[in-house]
Amino acid sequence: MIRIGNHDTQACGGTHHDSTGQIGELRIIRSSQVQDGVERLQIVAGDTAREHAREQERLLNESSEVLGVSPRTSPMQYSGSLNSGNLSKRESSLWRPRLSD
């Protein structure tokens, strides 16, 4: 079990280390509401976390290039383009599944 102060007690995710520093990089990649007031977090750690970050950055850079915008503004630009119909059907079909992951 993992206990975080008086805030939370949950079954652990199976990672057993003497200290959190041994885990390395940690990324939350998804959260979902299990029940009212209870969230489930899907995480990756260590080398897998770094690989996930690189893949996300690659996808963001590719979509930014297609849209002709900076990676910093790409998600907002893409959303606006979809809503206003400025992307061609081909562009939309290529990028919609990738950006929804």
C-alpha atoms as a PDB file:
ATOM      1  CA  MET A   1       0.000   0.000   0.000  1.00  0.00           C
ATOM      2  CA  ILE A   2       1.024   3.566  -0.602  1.00  0.00           C
ATOM      3  CA  ARG A   3       0.057   6.195   1.958  1.00  0.00           C
ATOM      4  CA  ILE A   4       0.456   9.900   1.241  1.00  0.00           C
ATOM      5  CA  GLY A   5      -0.133  11.749   4.508  1.00  0.00           C
ATOM      6  CA  ASN A   6      -3.804  11.842   5.376  1.00  0.00           C
ATOM      7  CA  HIS A   7      -4.735  12.323   1.733  1.00  0.00           C
ATOM      8  CA  ASP A   8      -4.610   8.981   0.018  1.00  0.00           C
ATOM      9  CA  THR A   9      -4.260   5.260   0.486  1.00  0.00           C
ATOM     10  CA  GLN A  10      -4.184   3.092  -2.630  1.00  0.00           C
ATOM     11  CA  ALA A  11      -2.852  -0.269  -3.723  1.00  0.00           C
ATOM     12  CA  CYS A  12       0.598   0.292  -5.176  1.00  0.00           C
ATOM     13  CA  GLY A  13       1.444  -0.040  -8.861  1.00  0.00           C
ATOM     14  CA  GLY A  14       3.986  -2.813  -8.318  1.00  0.00           C
ATOM     15  CA  THR A  15       7.140  -0.674  -8.273  1.00  0.00           C
ATOM     16  CA  HIS A  16       9.268  -1.458  -5.234  1.00  0.00           C
ATOM     17  CA  HIS A  17      12.300   0.723  -4.522  1.00  0.00           C
ATOM     18  CA  ASP A  18      14.061   1.936  -1.413  1.00  0.00           C
ATOM     19  CA  SER A  19      13.588   5.570  -2.467  1.00  0.00           C
ATOM     20  CA  THR A  20      11.642   7.439  -5.135  1.00  0.00           C
ATOM     21  CA  GLY A  21      14.939   8.680  -6.601  1.00  0.00           C
ATOM     22  CA  GLN A  22      15.626   5.166  -7.899  1.00  0.00           C
ATOM     23  CA  ILE A  23      12.595   5.364 -10.183  1.00  0.00           C
ATOM     24  CA  GLY A  24      13.997   8.192 -12.291  1.00  0.00           C
ATOM     25  CA  GLU A  25      11.773  10.274 -14.535  1.00  0.00           C
ATOM     26  CA  LEU A  26       8.045   9.810 -14.001  1.00  0.00           C
ATOM     27  CA  ARG A  27       5.311  10.940 -16.403  1.00  0.00           C
ATOM     28  CA  ILE A  28       1.562  10.823 -15.981  1.00  0.00           C
ATOM     29  CA  ILE A  29       0.214   9.871 -19.399  1.00  0.00           C
ATOM     30  CA  ARG A  30      -3.474   9.471 -18.630  1.00  0.00           C
ATOM     31  CA  SER A  31      -5.951   9.900 -15.817  1.00  0.00           C
ATOM     32  CA  SER A  32      -9.470   8.616 -15.528  1.00  0.00           C
ATOM     33  CA  GLN A  33     -12.178   8.944 -12.946  1.00  0.00           C
ATOM     34  CA  VAL A  34     -12.834   5.536 -11.377  1.00  0.00           C
ATOM     35  CA  GLN A  35     -15.604   6.748  -9.098  1.00  0.00           C
ATOM     36  CA  ASP A  36     -16.639   9.997  -7.483  1.00  0.00           C
ATOM     37  CA  GLY A  37     -13.502  11.498  -5.949  1.00  0.00           C
ATOM     38  CA  VAL A  38     -11.189   8.674  -7.090  1.00  0.00           C
ATOM     39  CA  GLU A  39      -8.800   9.118 -10.013  1.00  0.00           C
ATOM     40  CA  ARG A  40      -6.698   6.401 -11.639  1.00  0.00           C
ATOM     41  CA  LEU A  41      -3.362   7.603 -13.005  1.00  0.00           C
ATOM     42  CA  GLN A  42      -1.526   5.745 -15.759  1.00  0.00           C
ATOM     43  CA  ILE A  43       2.192   6.441 -15.476  1.00  0.00           C
ATOM     44  CA  VAL A  44       5.435   5.523 -17.184  1.00  0.00           C
ATOM     45  CA  ALA A  45       8.823   5.733 -15.487  1.00  0.00           C
ATOM     46  CA  GLY A  46      12.536   5.621 -16.240  1.00  0.00           C
ATOM     47  CA  ASP A  47      13.557   4.879 -19.836  1.00  0.00           C
ATOM     48  CA  THR A  48       9.921   4.338 -20.849  1.00  0.00           C
ATOM     49  CA  ALA A  49       9.044   7.846 -19.607  1.00  0.00           C
ATOM     50  CA  ARG A  50      11.851   9.358 -21.674  1.00  0.00           C
ATOM     51  CA  GLU A  51      10.795   7.384 -24.779  1.00  0.00           C
ATOM     52  CA  HIS A  52       7.190   8.518 -24.303  1.00  0.00           C
ATOM     53  CA  ALA A  53       8.306  12.164 -24.023  1.00  0.00           C
ATOM     54  CA  ARG A  54      10.395  11.879 -27.210  1.00  0.00           C
ATOM     55  CA  GLU A  55       7.461  10.359 -29.128  1.00  0.00           C
ATOM     56  CA  GLN A  56       5.079  13.076 -27.921  1.00  0.00           C
ATOM     57  CA  GLU A  57       7.574  15.752 -28.943  1.00  0.00           C
ATOM     58  CA  ARG A  58       8.016  14.139 -32.374  1.00  0.00           C
ATOM     59  CA  LEU A  59       4.240  14.102 -32.951  1.00  0.00           C
ATOM     60  CA  LEU A  60       3.907  17.713 -31.837  1.00  0.00           C
ATOM     61  CA  ASN A  61       6.730  18.812 -34.140  1.00  0.00           C
ATOM     62  CA  GLU A  62       5.226  16.933 -37.109  1.00  0.00           C
ATOM     63  CA  SER A  63       1.780  18.417 -36.578  1.00  0.00           C
ATOM     64  CA  SER A  64       3.280  21.890 -36.128  1.00  0.00           C
ATOM     65  CA  GLU A  65       5.128  21.532 -39.411  1.00  0.00           C
ATOM     66  CA  VAL A  66       1.948  20.506 -41.258  1.00  0.00           C
ATOM     67  CA  LEU A  67       0.054  23.443 -39.747  1.00  0.00           C
ATOM     68  CA  GLY A  68       2.914  25.882 -40.262  1.00  0.00           C
ATOM     69  CA  VAL A  69       2.839  27.022 -36.641  1.00  0.00           C
ATOM     70  CA  SER A  70       5.154  26.882 -33.657  1.00  0.00           C
ATOM     71  CA  PRO A  71       4.971  23.730 -31.497  1.00  0.00           C
ATOM     72  CA  ARG A  72       3.982  25.995 -28.597  1.00  0.00           C
ATOM     73  CA  THR A  73       0.759  27.085 -30.360  1.00  0.00           C
ATOM     74  CA  SER A  74       0.109  23.972 -32.464  1.00  0.00           C
ATOM     75  CA  PRO A  75      -2.665  22.373 -30.347  1.00  0.00           C
ATOM     76  CA  MET A  76      -4.670  25.616 -30.232  1.00  0.00           C
ATOM     77  CA  GLN A  77      -4.119  26.289 -33.935  1.00  0.00           C
ATOM     78  CA  TYR A  78      -5.134  22.747 -34.886  1.00  0.00           C
ATOM     79  CA  SER A  79      -8.308  22.932 -32.818  1.00  0.00           C
ATOM     80  CA  GLY A  80      -9.212  26.290 -34.342  1.00  0.00           C
ATOM     81  CA  SER A  81      -8.537  25.026 -37.866  1.00  0.00           C
ATOM     82  CA  LEU A  82     -10.743  21.978 -37.358  1.00  0.00           C
ATOM     83  CA  ASN A  83     -13.566  24.064 -35.940  1.00  0.00           C
ATOM     84  CA  SER A  84     -13.394  26.625 -38.744  1.00  0.00           C
ATOM     85  CA  GLY A  85     -12.964  24.018 -41.508  1.00  0.00           C
ATOM     86  CA  ASN A  86      -9.574  25.379 -42.618  1.00  0.00           C
ATOM     87  CA  LEU A  87      -7.892  21.963 -42.827  1.00  0.00           C
ATOM     88  CA  SER A  88      -8.433  19.843 -45.897  1.00  0.00           C
ATOM     89  CA  LYS A  89     -10.175  16.505 -45.395  1.00  0.00           C
ATOM     90  CA  ARG A  90      -6.854  14.764 -46.084  1.00  0.00           C
ATOM     91  CA  GLU A  91      -4.981  16.805 -43.456  1.00  0.00           C
ATOM     92  CA  SER A  92      -7.760  16.264 -40.973  1.00  0.00           C
ATOM     93  CA  SER A  93      -7.829  12.491 -41.521  1.00  0.00           C
ATOM     94  CA  LEU A  94      -4.038  12.295 -41.111  1.00  0.00           C
ATOM     95  CA  TRP A  95      -3.753  14.300 -37.905  1.00  0.00           C
ATOM     96  CA  ARG A  96      -6.996  13.800 -35.994  1.00  0.00           C
ATOM     97  CA  PRO A  97      -6.192  10.214 -34.820  1.00  0.00           C
ATOM     98  CA  ARG A  98      -2.590  11.069 -33.905  1.00  0.00           C
ATOM     99  CA  LEU A  99      -3.465  14.135 -31.860  1.00  0.00           C
ATOM    100  CA  SER A 100      -6.266  12.410 -29.962  1.00  0.00           C
ATOM    101  CA  ASP A 101      -3.879   9.835 -28.432  1.00  0.00           C
END
